[in-house]
Protein backbone atom coordinates (compact mmCIF):
# COMPACT_ATOMS: atom_id res chain seq x y z
CA UNK A 1 55.43 162.67 130.78
CA UNK A 2 56.16 162.43 134.57
CA UNK A 3 53.93 163.29 137.43
CA UNK A 4 55.70 166.66 137.94
CA UNK A 5 55.56 167.37 134.11
CA UNK A 6 51.80 166.35 134.41
CA UNK A 7 51.13 168.99 137.17
CA UNK A 8 53.10 171.52 135.56
CA UNK A 9 51.06 171.08 132.41
CA UNK A 10 47.45 171.41 134.37
CA UNK A 11 48.81 174.56 135.67
CA UNK A 12 49.70 175.92 132.55
CA UNK A 13 46.40 175.26 131.03
CA UNK A 14 44.70 176.72 133.95
CA UNK A 15 46.86 179.82 133.71
CA UNK A 16 45.72 180.20 129.95
CA UNK A 17 42.14 179.83 130.85
CA UNK A 18 42.59 182.44 133.74
CA UNK A 19 44.18 184.77 131.16
CA UNK A 20 41.25 184.06 128.94
CA UNK A 21 38.82 185.48 131.63
CA UNK A 22 40.72 188.48 132.26
CA UNK A 23 40.69 189.25 128.37
CA UNK A 24 37.00 188.39 127.88
CA UNK A 25 35.96 190.28 130.76
CA UNK A 26 38.53 193.35 130.11
CA UNK A 27 39.13 193.41 133.70
CA UNK A 28 42.41 195.36 133.88
CA UNK A 29 40.98 197.86 131.29
CA UNK A 30 37.79 198.47 133.23
CA UNK A 31 39.41 199.02 136.59
CA UNK A 32 42.06 201.34 135.17
CA UNK A 33 39.22 203.87 135.15
CA UNK A 34 39.30 203.93 138.84
CA UNK A 35 42.95 203.16 140.06
CA UNK A 36 45.82 200.69 139.34
CA UNK A 37 45.02 197.07 138.88
CA UNK A 38 47.32 194.29 139.83
CA UNK A 39 46.62 190.46 139.19
CA UNK A 40 47.93 188.68 142.21
CA UNK A 41 47.39 185.21 143.81
CA UNK A 42 47.96 181.97 141.88
CA UNK A 43 47.55 183.73 138.52
CA UNK A 44 50.30 186.15 139.09
CA UNK A 45 52.47 182.95 139.89
CA UNK A 46 51.21 180.69 137.27
CA UNK A 47 50.28 178.18 139.91
CA UNK A 48 46.76 177.94 139.26
CA UNK A 49 44.75 174.79 140.44
CA UNK A 50 41.24 176.31 141.05
CA UNK A 51 39.23 178.43 138.66
CA UNK A 52 39.69 181.49 140.64
CA UNK A 53 41.40 184.70 139.56
CA UNK A 54 42.26 187.55 142.24
CA UNK A 55 42.81 191.24 141.29
CA UNK A 56 43.59 193.99 143.71
CA UNK A 57 42.99 198.00 142.53
CA UNK A 58 44.72 200.75 144.37
CA UNK A 59 43.23 204.26 144.09
CA UNK A 60 43.68 207.88 145.38
CA UNK A 61 40.17 208.09 146.56
CA UNK A 62 38.59 204.47 146.46
CA UNK A 63 34.63 204.78 146.50
CA UNK A 64 31.89 202.40 146.53
CA UNK A 65 30.28 204.31 143.70
CA UNK A 66 33.20 204.02 141.39
CA UNK A 67 33.60 200.30 142.08
CA UNK A 68 30.01 199.48 141.61
CA UNK A 69 30.57 201.57 138.16
CA UNK A 70 32.81 199.03 137.17
CA UNK A 71 30.97 195.98 138.33
CA UNK A 72 27.51 197.08 137.18
CA UNK A 73 28.86 197.12 133.64
CA UNK A 74 30.48 193.33 134.21
CA UNK A 75 27.05 192.47 135.28
CA UNK A 76 25.58 193.40 131.98
CA UNK A 77 27.83 190.83 130.17
CA UNK A 78 25.73 187.60 129.15
CA UNK A 79 27.99 184.82 131.21
CA UNK A 80 28.43 186.78 134.34
CA UNK A 81 25.91 184.64 136.49
CA UNK A 82 26.47 186.24 139.97
CA UNK A 83 27.85 188.81 141.94
CA UNK A 84 28.41 189.74 145.46
CA UNK A 85 29.63 192.99 147.47
CA UNK A 86 31.32 193.56 150.98
CA UNK A 87 32.52 196.73 152.60
CA UNK A 88 35.56 195.90 154.68
CA UNK A 89 37.04 199.26 155.16
CA UNK A 90 36.75 199.59 158.90
CA UNK A 91 38.61 196.01 159.28
CA UNK A 92 41.37 194.15 157.87
CA UNK A 93 42.06 194.12 154.80
CA UNK A 94 40.47 197.48 154.71
CA UNK A 95 38.94 197.51 151.54
CA UNK A 96 36.04 197.12 149.21
CA UNK A 97 35.27 193.76 147.84
CA UNK A 98 33.33 192.42 144.66
CA UNK A 99 33.08 188.89 143.78
CA UNK A 100 31.75 187.59 140.31
CA UNK A 101 31.03 184.21 138.81
CA UNK A 102 31.86 184.01 135.23
CA UNK A 103 31.03 181.18 133.06
CA UNK A 104 33.81 180.74 130.94
CA UNK A 105 32.23 177.38 129.45
CA UNK A 106 28.99 175.60 130.18
CA UNK A 107 30.87 173.13 132.42
CA UNK A 108 33.00 175.53 134.13
CA UNK A 109 32.51 178.62 136.37
CA UNK A 110 35.45 180.96 137.25
CA UNK A 111 35.44 183.12 140.37
CA UNK A 112 36.89 186.39 140.28
CA UNK A 113 37.70 188.40 143.48
CA UNK A 114 38.15 191.95 143.17
CA UNK A 115 39.48 194.20 145.94
CA UNK A 116 39.54 198.02 146.12
CA UNK A 117 42.23 199.65 148.48
CA UNK A 118 43.50 203.16 148.99
CA UNK A 119 46.95 203.43 147.56
CA UNK A 120 48.66 203.95 150.75
CA UNK A 121 48.08 200.13 151.46
CA UNK A 122 49.93 199.41 148.26
CA UNK A 123 53.11 198.67 150.22
CA UNK A 124 51.40 195.62 151.84
CA UNK A 125 49.85 194.40 148.56
CA UNK A 126 49.65 190.83 147.31
CA UNK A 127 51.35 191.89 144.36
CA UNK A 128 54.51 192.90 146.20
CA UNK A 129 54.15 189.48 147.72
CA UNK A 130 54.05 187.75 144.40
CA UNK A 131 57.02 189.76 143.60
CA UNK A 132 58.92 188.07 146.42
CA UNK A 133 57.48 184.63 145.95
CA UNK A 134 58.75 184.56 142.38
CA UNK A 135 62.20 184.94 143.62
CA UNK A 136 61.80 182.29 146.19
CA UNK A 137 59.93 179.38 144.57
CA UNK A 138 62.28 176.99 142.97
CA UNK A 139 61.07 174.55 140.75
CA UNK A 140 60.58 171.95 143.61
CA UNK A 141 58.94 174.33 145.76
CA UNK A 142 56.44 175.16 142.88
CA UNK A 143 55.90 171.38 142.51
CA UNK A 144 55.15 171.14 145.98
CA UNK A 145 52.39 173.70 145.96
CA UNK A 146 50.76 172.36 142.93
CA UNK A 147 50.74 168.89 144.70
CA UNK A 148 49.62 170.28 148.03
CA UNK A 149 46.71 172.35 146.20
CA UNK A 150 45.49 169.39 144.04
CA UNK A 151 45.43 167.03 146.75
CA UNK A 152 43.35 169.61 148.65
CA UNK A 153 41.12 169.87 145.74
CA UNK A 154 40.74 166.12 145.31
CA UNK A 155 39.51 165.87 148.93
CA UNK A 156 36.98 168.57 148.47
CA UNK A 157 39.09 171.14 150.45
CA UNK A 158 40.76 174.18 149.91
CA UNK A 159 44.65 174.94 150.71
CA UNK A 160 45.01 178.62 150.95
CA UNK A 161 47.70 179.80 148.79
CA UNK A 162 49.30 182.26 151.22
CA UNK A 163 49.61 179.64 153.88
CA UNK A 164 50.80 176.82 151.24
CA UNK A 165 53.65 178.89 150.05
CA UNK A 166 54.82 179.85 153.69
CA UNK A 167 54.60 176.27 154.69
CA UNK A 168 56.69 174.96 151.78
CA UNK A 169 59.33 177.88 151.65
CA UNK A 170 59.95 178.18 155.66
CA UNK A 171 59.38 174.57 156.66
CA UNK A 172 59.79 172.53 153.53
CA UNK A 173 56.41 170.46 153.40
CA UNK A 174 55.57 168.80 150.31
CA UNK A 175 52.11 167.04 150.89
CA UNK A 176 48.66 168.10 151.88
CA UNK A 177 48.93 166.25 155.13
CA UNK A 178 52.08 167.92 156.11
CA UNK A 179 50.44 171.03 155.38
CA UNK A 180 47.44 170.55 157.57
CA UNK A 181 49.73 169.47 160.25
CA UNK A 182 51.93 172.62 160.14
CA UNK A 183 48.74 174.77 159.67
CA UNK A 184 47.07 173.73 162.86
CA UNK A 185 44.65 176.26 164.15
CA UNK A 186 46.01 179.24 162.55
CA UNK A 187 43.47 181.77 161.16
CA UNK A 188 43.71 181.20 157.40
CA UNK A 189 42.16 184.74 156.82
CA UNK A 190 44.69 186.56 158.87
CA UNK A 191 46.61 189.23 157.05
CA UNK A 192 50.39 189.20 158.09
CA UNK A 193 53.45 190.92 156.84
CA UNK A 194 55.48 187.76 156.04
CA UNK A 195 57.70 187.75 153.04
CA UNK A 196 59.80 184.87 151.82
CA UNK A 197 63.64 185.22 151.44
CA UNK A 198 64.95 184.75 148.08
CA UNK A 199 66.15 181.23 147.21
CA UNK A 200 69.54 180.76 147.55
CA UNK A 201 71.78 178.09 145.52
CA UNK A 202 69.57 174.99 146.81
CA UNK A 203 66.68 173.55 145.00
CA UNK A 204 64.40 172.64 147.98
């Protein structure tokens, strides 16, 4: 098995673990009582390197009470070890946020980020970005994304997915060093309206 195949196999194994987390916590079913949940980020794209799951929920009238109704039930589960909450409704990204830590195995804890947004923000959702990225990420680009993310982890750092995708697709970066050079002093927490153009006949 070559280097690329090994990277892809590691990502597939991580994706299977992420799906196990979603299933064991019944995350989608629990949030359906509040709104429409969407798995986003690296799990949606099958490009999982870090033990993270990202979920966005869109509701007609999102409320703190409804959100805590879901997470309070999650907190009762035996392997949910910690939870955090933030109210970001008055500033970007304009939602309610919960994070939980789930001990999938005694050796590994997964982090689950859950955002509750008003439905009128769905047109800029990460789910729509994931759909566009699926069209734009060729096999070569997918491998570059995984290589950059894995190199970041090996250095004890984090390469934020959105910016990695943008650097790989728009500029063609293929290494963590190139990514850092391209990133410069950009605010990695900035939310923008960037969307990739679908991949053409090339395989960059």
